[in-house]
PDB file of N, CA and C in Angstrom:
ATOM      1  N   MET A   1      63.077 -91.589  90.481  1.00  0.00           N
ATOM      2  CA  MET A   1      62.684 -91.661  91.867  1.00  0.00           C
ATOM      3  C   MET A   1      62.060 -90.326  92.262  1.00  0.00           C
ATOM      4  N   SER A   2      60.888 -90.358  92.834  1.00  0.00           N
ATOM      5  CA  SER A   2      60.226 -89.118  93.232  1.00  0.00           C
ATOM      6  C   SER A   2      60.528 -88.808  94.687  1.00  0.00           C
ATOM      7  N   GLN A   3      60.571 -87.528  94.981  1.00  0.00           N
ATOM      8  CA  GLN A   3      60.790 -87.093  96.348  1.00  0.00           C
ATOM      9  C   GLN A   3      59.464 -86.671  96.949  1.00  0.00           C
ATOM     10  N   LYS A   4      59.312 -86.953  98.222  1.00  0.00           N
ATOM     11  CA  LYS A   4      58.110 -86.547  98.932  1.00  0.00           C
ATOM     12  C   LYS A   4      58.145 -85.028  99.122  1.00  0.00           C
ATOM     13  N   ALA A   5      57.079 -84.376  98.740  1.00  0.00           N
ATOM     14  CA  ALA A   5      57.010 -82.916  98.895  1.00  0.00           C
ATOM     15  C   ALA A   5      56.889 -82.564 100.368  1.00  0.00           C
ATOM     16  N   SER A   6      57.640 -81.567 100.791  1.00  0.00           N
ATOM     17  CA  SER A   6      57.548 -81.147 102.188  1.00  0.00           C
ATOM     18  C   SER A   6      56.413 -80.141 102.346  1.00  0.00           C
ATOM     19  N   HIS A   7      55.849 -80.114 103.533  1.00  0.00           N
ATOM     20  CA  HIS A   7      54.800 -79.149 103.849  1.00  0.00           C
ATOM     21  C   HIS A   7      55.397 -77.754 103.727  1.00  0.00           C
ATOM     22  N   PRO A   8      54.692 -76.788 103.148  1.00  0.00           N
ATOM     23  CA  PRO A   8      55.268 -75.464 102.913  1.00  0.00           C
ATOM     24  C   PRO A   8      55.614 -74.700 104.190  1.00  0.00           C
ATOM     25  N   LEU A   9      55.068 -75.091 105.325  1.00  0.00           N
ATOM     26  CA  LEU A   9      55.345 -74.363 106.560  1.00  0.00           C
ATOM     27  C   LEU A   9      56.104 -75.230 107.559  1.00  0.00           C
ATOM     28  N   THR A  10      57.018 -76.060 107.075  1.00  0.00           N
ATOM     29  CA  THR A  10      57.782 -76.904 107.980  1.00  0.00           C
ATOM     30  C   THR A  10      58.929 -76.151 108.639  1.00  0.00           C
ATOM     31  N   ARG A  11      59.239 -74.956 108.139  1.00  0.00           N
ATOM     32  CA  ARG A  11      60.306 -74.155 108.722  1.00  0.00           C
ATOM     33  C   ARG A  11      59.776 -72.767 109.074  1.00  0.00           C
ATOM     34  N   PHE A  12      60.260 -72.252 110.189  1.00  0.00           N
ATOM     35  CA  PHE A  12      59.911 -70.911 110.649  1.00  0.00           C
ATOM     36  C   PHE A  12      60.122 -69.882 109.541  1.00  0.00           C
ATOM     37  N   GLU A  13      61.238 -69.993 108.840  1.00  0.00           N
ATOM     38  CA  GLU A  13      61.610 -69.012 107.820  1.00  0.00           C
ATOM     39  C   GLU A  13      60.638 -68.969 106.651  1.00  0.00           C
ATOM     40  N   ASP A  14      59.863 -70.042 106.447  1.00  0.00           N
ATOM     41  CA  ASP A  14      58.957 -70.127 105.302  1.00  0.00           C
ATOM     42  C   ASP A  14      57.556 -69.585 105.575  1.00  0.00           C
ATOM     43  N   CYS A  15      57.246 -69.265 106.804  1.00  0.00           N
ATOM     44  CA  CYS A  15      55.892 -68.829 107.155  1.00  0.00           C
ATOM     45  C   CYS A  15      55.766 -67.310 107.022  1.00  0.00           C
ATOM     46  N   PRO A  16      54.821 -66.823 106.211  1.00  0.00           N
ATOM     47  CA  PRO A  16      54.665 -65.377 106.053  1.00  0.00           C
ATOM     48  C   PRO A  16      54.159 -64.683 107.320  1.00  0.00           C
ATOM     49  N   MET A  17      53.626 -65.439 108.282  1.00  0.00           N
ATOM     50  CA  MET A  17      53.135 -64.847 109.528  1.00  0.00           C
ATOM     51  C   MET A  17      54.185 -64.920 110.631  1.00  0.00           C
ATOM     52  N   SER A  18      55.449 -65.082 110.252  1.00  0.00           N
ATOM     53  CA  SER A  18      56.532 -65.224 111.218  1.00  0.00           C
ATOM     54  C   SER A  18      57.701 -64.338 110.824  1.00  0.00           C
ATOM     55  N   ASN A  19      58.384 -63.787 111.829  1.00  0.00           N
ATOM     56  CA  ASN A  19      59.584 -63.013 111.547  1.00  0.00           C
ATOM     57  C   ASN A  19      60.460 -62.910 112.789  1.00  0.00           C
ATOM     58  N   MET A  20      61.767 -62.812 112.542  1.00  0.00           N
ATOM     59  CA  MET A  20      62.747 -62.652 113.609  1.00  0.00           C
ATOM     60  C   MET A  20      62.774 -61.185 114.021  1.00  0.00           C
ATOM     61  N   ILE A  21      62.762 -60.946 115.319  1.00  0.00           N
ATOM     62  CA  ILE A  21      62.851 -59.579 115.839  1.00  0.00           C
ATOM     63  C   ILE A  21      64.275 -59.281 116.293  1.00  0.00           C
ATOM     64  N   ALA A  22      64.865 -60.197 117.086  1.00  0.00           N
ATOM     65  CA  ALA A  22      66.212 -59.949 117.615  1.00  0.00           C
ATOM     66  C   ALA A  22      66.905 -61.253 117.984  1.00  0.00           C
ATOM     67  N   ARG A  23      68.218 -61.236 117.820  1.00  0.00           N
ATOM     68  CA  ARG A  23      69.096 -62.289 118.343  1.00  0.00           C
ATOM     69  C   ARG A  23      70.036 -61.587 119.312  1.00  0.00           C
ATOM     70  N   ARG A  24      70.164 -62.142 120.516  1.00  0.00           N
ATOM     71  CA  ARG A  24      70.968 -61.453 121.531  1.00  0.00           C
ATOM     72  C   ARG A  24      71.426 -62.434 122.602  1.00  0.00           C
ATOM     73  N   GLN A  25      72.264 -61.927 123.486  1.00  0.00           N
ATOM     74  CA  GLN A  25      72.644 -62.649 124.691  1.00  0.00           C
ATOM     75  C   GLN A  25      71.753 -62.126 125.817  1.00  0.00           C
ATOM     76  N   SER A  26      71.294 -63.019 126.682  1.00  0.00           N
ATOM     77  CA  SER A  26      70.448 -62.622 127.801  1.00  0.00           C
ATOM     78  C   SER A  26      71.185 -61.616 128.680  1.00  0.00           C
ATOM     79  N   GLU A  27      70.500 -60.546 129.049  1.00  0.00           N
ATOM     80  CA  GLU A  27      71.093 -59.552 129.947  1.00  0.00           C
ATOM     81  C   GLU A  27      71.322 -60.136 131.332  1.00  0.00           C
ATOM     82  N   GLU A  28      70.511 -61.111 131.728  1.00  0.00           N
ATOM     83  CA  GLU A  28      70.608 -61.694 133.066  1.00  0.00           C
ATOM     84  C   GLU A  28      71.744 -62.702 133.198  1.00  0.00           C
ATOM     85  N   CYS A  29      71.919 -63.570 132.185  1.00  0.00           N
ATOM     86  CA  CYS A  29      72.870 -64.676 132.341  1.00  0.00           C
ATOM     87  C   CYS A  29      73.848 -64.829 131.185  1.00  0.00           C
ATOM     88  N   GLY A  30      73.653 -64.099 130.089  1.00  0.00           N
ATOM     89  CA  GLY A  30      74.550 -64.187 128.946  1.00  0.00           C
ATOM     90  C   GLY A  30      74.258 -65.325 127.985  1.00  0.00           C
ATOM     91  N   CYS A  31      73.202 -66.098 128.254  1.00  0.00           N
ATOM     92  CA  CYS A  31      72.833 -67.207 127.370  1.00  0.00           C
ATOM     93  C   CYS A  31      72.214 -66.670 126.080  1.00  0.00           C
ATOM     94  N   PRO A  32      72.311 -67.438 124.982  1.00  0.00           N
ATOM     95  CA  PRO A  32      71.698 -66.992 123.728  1.00  0.00           C
ATOM     96  C   PRO A  32      70.171 -66.960 123.810  1.00  0.00           C
ATOM     97  N   GLU A  33      69.600 -65.912 123.244  1.00  0.00           N
ATOM     98  CA  GLU A  33      68.145 -65.745 123.168  1.00  0.00           C
ATOM     99  C   GLU A  33      67.781 -65.254 121.779  1.00  0.00           C
ATOM    100  N   GLU A  34      66.575 -65.580 121.381  1.00  0.00           N
ATOM    101  CA  GLU A  34      66.007 -65.020 120.156  1.00  0.00           C
ATOM    102  C   GLU A  34      64.580 -64.593 120.447  1.00  0.00           C
ATOM    103  N   GLU A  35      64.209 -63.468 119.875  1.00  0.00           N
ATOM    104  CA  GLU A  35      62.844 -62.958 119.998  1.00  0.00           C
ATOM    105  C   GLU A  35      62.251 -62.926 118.602  1.00  0.00           C
ATOM    106  N   MET A  36      61.055 -63.472 118.469  1.00  0.00           N
ATOM    107  CA  MET A  36      60.449 -63.571 117.148  1.00  0.00           C
ATOM    108  C   MET A  36      58.938 -63.642 117.259  1.00  0.00           C
ATOM    109  N   VAL A  37      58.296 -63.598 116.114  1.00  0.00           N
ATOM    110  CA  VAL A  37      56.869 -63.865 115.999  1.00  0.00           C
ATOM    111  C   VAL A  37      56.739 -65.136 115.182  1.00  0.00           C
ATOM    112  N   MET A  38      56.018 -66.110 115.737  1.00  0.00           N
ATOM    113  CA  MET A  38      55.746 -67.369 115.040  1.00  0.00           C
ATOM    114  C   MET A  38      54.240 -67.504 114.917  1.00  0.00           C
ATOM    115  N   ARG A  39      53.748 -67.451 113.692  1.00  0.00           N
ATOM    116  CA  ARG A  39      52.305 -67.564 113.434  1.00  0.00           C
ATOM    117  C   ARG A  39      51.511 -66.605 114.334  1.00  0.00           C
ATOM    118  N   ASN A  40      51.970 -65.383 114.400  1.00  0.00           N
ATOM    119  CA  ASN A  40      51.326 -64.307 115.162  1.00  0.00           C
ATOM    120  C   ASN A  40      51.394 -64.488 116.673  1.00  0.00           C
ATOM    121  N   VAL A  41      52.274 -65.350 117.163  1.00  0.00           N
ATOM    122  CA  VAL A  41      52.521 -65.522 118.598  1.00  0.00           C
ATOM    123  C   VAL A  41      53.900 -64.936 118.894  1.00  0.00           C
ATOM    124  N   HIS A  42      53.978 -64.025 119.875  1.00  0.00           N
ATOM    125  CA  HIS A  42      55.263 -63.458 120.273  1.00  0.00           C
ATOM    126  C   HIS A  42      56.013 -64.526 121.073  1.00  0.00           C
ATOM    127  N   VAL A  43      57.250 -64.824 120.660  1.00  0.00           N
ATOM    128  CA  VAL A  43      58.021 -65.913 121.259  1.00  0.00           C
ATOM    129  C   VAL A  43      59.422 -65.422 121.611  1.00  0.00           C
ATOM    130  N   ILE A  44      59.881 -65.778 122.799  1.00  0.00           N
ATOM    131  CA  ILE A  44      61.283 -65.609 123.171  1.00  0.00           C
ATOM    132  C   ILE A  44      61.804 -67.000 123.513  1.00  0.00           C
ATOM    133  N   ILE A  45      62.892 -67.409 122.832  1.00  0.00           N
ATOM    134  CA  ILE A  45      63.513 -68.680 123.174  1.00  0.00           C
ATOM    135  C   ILE A  45      64.837 -68.396 123.869  1.00  0.00           C
ATOM    136  N   HIS A  46      65.170 -69.253 124.821  1.00  0.00           N
ATOM    137  CA  HIS A  46      66.346 -69.059 125.671  1.00  0.00           C
ATOM    138  C   HIS A  46      67.068 -70.395 125.789  1.00  0.00           C
ATOM    139  N   MET A  47      68.339 -70.412 125.454  1.00  0.00           N
ATOM    140  CA  MET A  47      69.148 -71.630 125.471  1.00  0.00           C
ATOM    141  C   MET A  47      70.009 -71.656 126.722  1.00  0.00           C
ATOM    142  N   GLU A  48      69.848 -72.686 127.553  1.00  0.00           N
ATOM    143  CA  GLU A  48      70.631 -72.838 128.780  1.00  0.00           C
ATOM    144  C   GLU A  48      71.992 -73.473 128.467  1.00  0.00           C
ATOM    145  N   PRO A  49      73.003 -73.233 129.317  1.00  0.00           N
ATOM    146  CA  PRO A  49      74.331 -73.817 129.087  1.00  0.00           C
ATOM    147  C   PRO A  49      74.331 -75.353 129.057  1.00  0.00           C
ATOM    148  N   ASN A  50      73.383 -75.989 129.741  1.00  0.00           N
ATOM    149  CA  ASN A  50      73.337 -77.458 129.785  1.00  0.00           C
ATOM    150  C   ASN A  50      72.661 -78.068 128.556  1.00  0.00           C
ATOM    151  N   GLY A  51      72.213 -77.229 127.609  1.00  0.00           N
ATOM    152  CA  GLY A  51      71.575 -77.724 126.392  1.00  0.00           C
ATOM    153  C   GLY A  51      70.062 -77.732 126.438  1.00  0.00           C
ATOM    154  N   ASP A  52      69.484 -77.450 127.590  1.00  0.00           N
ATOM    155  CA  ASP A  52      68.030 -77.338 127.672  1.00  0.00           C
ATOM    156  C   ASP A  52      67.612 -75.968 127.147  1.00  0.00           C
ATOM    157  N   GLY A  53      66.367 -75.873 126.708  1.00  0.00           N
ATOM    158  CA  GLY A  53      65.871 -74.613 126.185  1.00  0.00           C
ATOM    159  C   GLY A  53      64.485 -74.314 126.706  1.00  0.00           C
ATOM    160  N   GLU A  54      64.130 -73.047 126.666  1.00  0.00           N
ATOM    161  CA  GLU A  54      62.804 -72.605 127.076  1.00  0.00           C
ATOM    162  C   GLU A  54      62.230 -71.709 125.996  1.00  0.00           C
ATOM    163  N   ALA A  55      60.925 -71.786 125.856  1.00  0.00           N
ATOM    164  CA  ALA A  55      60.202 -70.901 124.945  1.00  0.00           C
ATOM    165  C   ALA A  55      59.120 -70.206 125.754  1.00  0.00           C
ATOM    166  N   PHE A  56      59.089 -68.893 125.684  1.00  0.00           N
ATOM    167  CA  PHE A  56      58.087 -68.082 126.366  1.00  0.00           C
ATOM    168  C   PHE A  56      57.171 -67.519 125.292  1.00  0.00           C
ATOM    169  N   LEU A  57      55.889 -67.838 125.378  1.00  0.00           N
ATOM    170  CA  LEU A  57      54.929 -67.490 124.333  1.00  0.00           C
ATOM    171  C   LEU A  57      53.882 -66.528 124.870  1.00  0.00           C
ATOM    172  N   ASP A  58      53.511 -65.547 124.041  1.00  0.00           N
ATOM    173  CA  ASP A  58      52.486 -64.577 124.410  1.00  0.00           C
ATOM    174  C   ASP A  58      51.636 -64.279 123.179  1.00  0.00           C
ATOM    175  N   ALA A  59      50.366 -64.666 123.258  1.00  0.00           N
ATOM    176  CA  ALA A  59      49.428 -64.412 122.160  1.00  0.00           C
ATOM    177  C   ALA A  59      48.289 -63.520 122.634  1.00  0.00           C
ATOM    178  N   GLY A  60      48.577 -62.657 123.597  1.00  0.00           N
ATOM    179  CA  GLY A  60      47.536 -61.768 124.107  1.00  0.00           C
ATOM    180  C   GLY A  60      46.761 -62.421 125.232  1.00  0.00           C
ATOM    181  N   ASP A  61      45.650 -63.072 124.891  1.00  0.00           N
ATOM    182  CA  ASP A  61      44.830 -63.739 125.900  1.00  0.00           C
ATOM    183  C   ASP A  61      45.431 -65.059 126.368  1.00  0.00           C
ATOM    184  N   TRP A  62      46.432 -65.551 125.681  1.00  0.00           N
ATOM    185  CA  TRP A  62      47.039 -66.840 126.002  1.00  0.00           C
ATOM    186  C   TRP A  62      48.545 -66.672 126.132  1.00  0.00           C
ATOM    187  N   VAL A  63      49.096 -67.079 127.276  1.00  0.00           N
ATOM    188  CA  VAL A  63      50.545 -67.093 127.489  1.00  0.00           C
ATOM    189  C   VAL A  63      50.937 -68.479 127.979  1.00  0.00           C
ATOM    190  N   ASP A  64      52.160 -68.881 127.666  1.00  0.00           N
ATOM    191  CA  ASP A  64      52.621 -70.203 128.080  1.00  0.00           C
ATOM    192  C   ASP A  64      54.141 -70.214 128.112  1.00  0.00           C
ATOM    193  N   GLU A  65      54.684 -71.225 128.767  1.00  0.00           N
ATOM    194  CA  GLU A  65      56.120 -71.446 128.836  1.00  0.00           C
ATOM    195  C   GLU A  65      56.367 -72.923 128.563  1.00  0.00           C
ATOM    196  N   TRP A  66      57.246 -73.202 127.607  1.00  0.00           N
ATOM    197  CA  TRP A  66      57.555 -74.582 127.242  1.00  0.00           C
ATOM    198  C   TRP A  66      59.016 -74.863 127.548  1.00  0.00           C
ATOM    199  N   HIS A  67      59.297 -76.087 127.988  1.00  0.00           N
ATOM    200  CA  HIS A  67      60.663 -76.516 128.274  1.00  0.00           C
ATOM    201  C   HIS A  67      61.048 -77.623 127.295  1.00  0.00           C
ATOM    202  N   PHE A  68      62.240 -77.534 126.741  1.00  0.00           N
ATOM    203  CA  PHE A  68      62.760 -78.533 125.809  1.00  0.00           C
ATOM    204  C   PHE A  68      64.095 -79.045 126.344  1.00  0.00           C
ATOM    205  N   GLU A  69      64.226 -80.353 126.444  1.00  0.00           N
ATOM    206  CA  GLU A  69      65.464 -80.947 126.942  1.00  0.00           C
ATOM    207  C   GLU A  69      66.405 -81.291 125.792  1.00  0.00           C
ATOM    208  N   SER A  70      67.686 -81.201 126.076  1.00  0.00           N
ATOM    209  CA  SER A  70      68.753 -81.670 125.181  1.00  0.00           C
ATOM    210  C   SER A  70      68.664 -81.099 123.766  1.00  0.00           C
ATOM    211  N   CYS A  71      68.652 -79.784 123.655  1.00  0.00           N
ATOM    212  CA  CYS A  71      68.678 -79.129 122.344  1.00  0.00           C
ATOM    213  C   CYS A  71      70.127 -79.087 121.848  1.00  0.00           C
ATOM    214  N   ALA A  72      70.323 -79.338 120.581  1.00  0.00           N
ATOM    215  CA  ALA A  72      71.673 -79.322 120.004  1.00  0.00           C
ATOM    216  C   ALA A  72      72.258 -77.911 120.022  1.00  0.00           C
ATOM    217  N   ASP A  73      71.413 -76.911 119.734  1.00  0.00           N
ATOM    218  CA  ASP A  73      71.841 -75.519 119.682  1.00  0.00           C
ATOM    219  C   ASP A  73      70.593 -74.643 119.573  1.00  0.00           C
ATOM    220  N   ILE A  74      70.780 -73.341 119.435  1.00  0.00           N
ATOM    221  CA  ILE A  74      69.643 -72.414 119.365  1.00  0.00           C
ATOM    222  C   ILE A  74      68.795 -72.680 118.120  1.00  0.00           C
ATOM    223  N   ASP A  75      69.421 -73.134 117.038  1.00  0.00           N
ATOM    224  CA  ASP A  75      68.663 -73.459 115.823  1.00  0.00           C
ATOM    225  C   ASP A  75      67.727 -74.639 116.067  1.00  0.00           C
ATOM    226  N   ASP A  76      68.210 -75.637 116.796  1.00  0.00           N
ATOM    227  CA  ASP A  76      67.386 -76.796 117.144  1.00  0.00           C
ATOM    228  C   ASP A  76      66.231 -76.368 118.047  1.00  0.00           C
ATOM    229  N   LEU A  77      66.514 -75.512 119.027  1.00  0.00           N
ATOM    230  CA  LEU A  77      65.466 -75.008 119.918  1.00  0.00           C
ATOM    231  C   LEU A  77      64.416 -74.236 119.127  1.00  0.00           C
ATOM    232  N   ARG A  78      64.840 -73.387 118.189  1.00  0.00           N
ATOM    233  CA  ARG A  78      63.892 -72.638 117.359  1.00  0.00           C
ATOM    234  C   ARG A  78      63.017 -73.589 116.542  1.00  0.00           C
ATOM    235  N   GLN A  79      63.631 -74.602 115.933  1.00  0.00           N
ATOM    236  CA  GLN A  79      62.869 -75.545 115.116  1.00  0.00           C
ATOM    237  C   GLN A  79      61.894 -76.356 115.966  1.00  0.00           C
ATOM    238  N   ARG A  80      62.309 -76.786 117.141  1.00  0.00           N
ATOM    239  CA  ARG A  80      61.420 -77.562 118.011  1.00  0.00           C
ATOM    240  C   ARG A  80      60.245 -76.711 118.501  1.00  0.00           C
ATOM    241  N   THR A  81      60.508 -75.430 118.774  1.00  0.00           N
ATOM    242  CA  THR A  81      59.424 -74.516 119.149  1.00  0.00           C
ATOM    243  C   THR A  81      58.480 -74.334 117.967  1.00  0.00           C
ATOM    244  N   TRP A  82      59.036 -74.114 116.773  1.00  0.00           N
ATOM    245  CA  TRP A  82      58.235 -73.960 115.559  1.00  0.00           C
ATOM    246  C   TRP A  82      57.387 -75.204 115.309  1.00  0.00           C
ATOM    247  N   ASP A  83      57.983 -76.385 115.450  1.00  0.00           N
ATOM    248  CA  ASP A  83      57.244 -77.629 115.213  1.00  0.00           C
ATOM    249  C   ASP A  83      56.041 -77.732 116.149  1.00  0.00           C
ATOM    250  N   ARG A  84      56.236 -77.353 117.395  1.00  0.00           N
ATOM    251  CA  ARG A  84      55.136 -77.444 118.370  1.00  0.00           C
ATOM    252  C   ARG A  84      54.053 -76.409 118.076  1.00  0.00           C
ATOM    253  N   ILE A  85      54.448 -75.196 117.741  1.00  0.00           N
ATOM    254  CA  ILE A  85      53.462 -74.167 117.393  1.00  0.00           C
ATOM    255  C   ILE A  85      52.707 -74.572 116.128  1.00  0.00           C
ATOM    256  N   SER A  86      53.418 -75.093 115.146  1.00  0.00           N
ATOM    257  CA  SER A  86      52.784 -75.494 113.883  1.00  0.00           C
ATOM    258  C   SER A  86      51.808 -76.644 114.062  1.00  0.00           C
ATOM    259  N   ALA A  87      52.024 -77.474 115.076  1.00  0.00           N
ATOM    260  CA  ALA A  87      51.140 -78.615 115.325  1.00  0.00           C
ATOM    261  C   ALA A  87      49.827 -78.202 115.995  1.00  0.00           C
ATOM    262  N   MET A  88      49.758 -76.961 116.462  1.00  0.00           N
ATOM    263  CA  MET A  88      48.537 -76.478 117.112  1.00  0.00           C
ATOM    264  C   MET A  88      47.469 -76.202 116.055  1.00  0.00           C
ATOM    265  N   PRO A  89      46.201 -76.290 116.437  1.00  0.00           N
ATOM    266  CA  PRO A  89      45.142 -75.986 115.463  1.00  0.00           C
ATOM    267  C   PRO A  89      45.122 -74.487 115.138  1.00  0.00           C
ATOM    268  N   TRP A  90      45.159 -74.160 113.853  1.00  0.00           N
ATOM    269  CA  TRP A  90      45.172 -72.768 113.398  1.00  0.00           C
ATOM    270  C   TRP A  90      44.161 -72.591 112.290  1.00  0.00           C
ATOM    271  N   SER A  91      43.660 -71.400 112.181  1.00  0.00           N
ATOM    272  CA  SER A  91      42.867 -71.041 111.001  1.00  0.00           C
ATOM    273  C   SER A  91      43.570 -69.857 110.362  1.00  0.00           C
ATOM    274  N   ASP A  92      44.057 -70.051 109.153  1.00  0.00           N
ATOM    275  CA  ASP A  92      44.818 -69.002 108.448  1.00  0.00           C
ATOM    276  C   ASP A  92      43.906 -68.092 107.675  1.00  0.00           C
TER     277      ASP A  92
END
């Protein structure tokens, strides 16, 4: 039985243009946050107590804020942010 090969950049950790900068608790509210670079975009993700998450993105000329509902945990929020960034058109 053969297994379907996964795309090499399906995980944040596998992308050479991505790296974790910091894991911390928010100074304002104590919620978990992570700061990282995903495909050369500066990203801060923030996990709310109700399970919702936010991603704040800054790519210089382009900034955005994304909201994600019902995240299982900070790892799920990171993966959902990565999936959305990876789905954008890129030229490597």
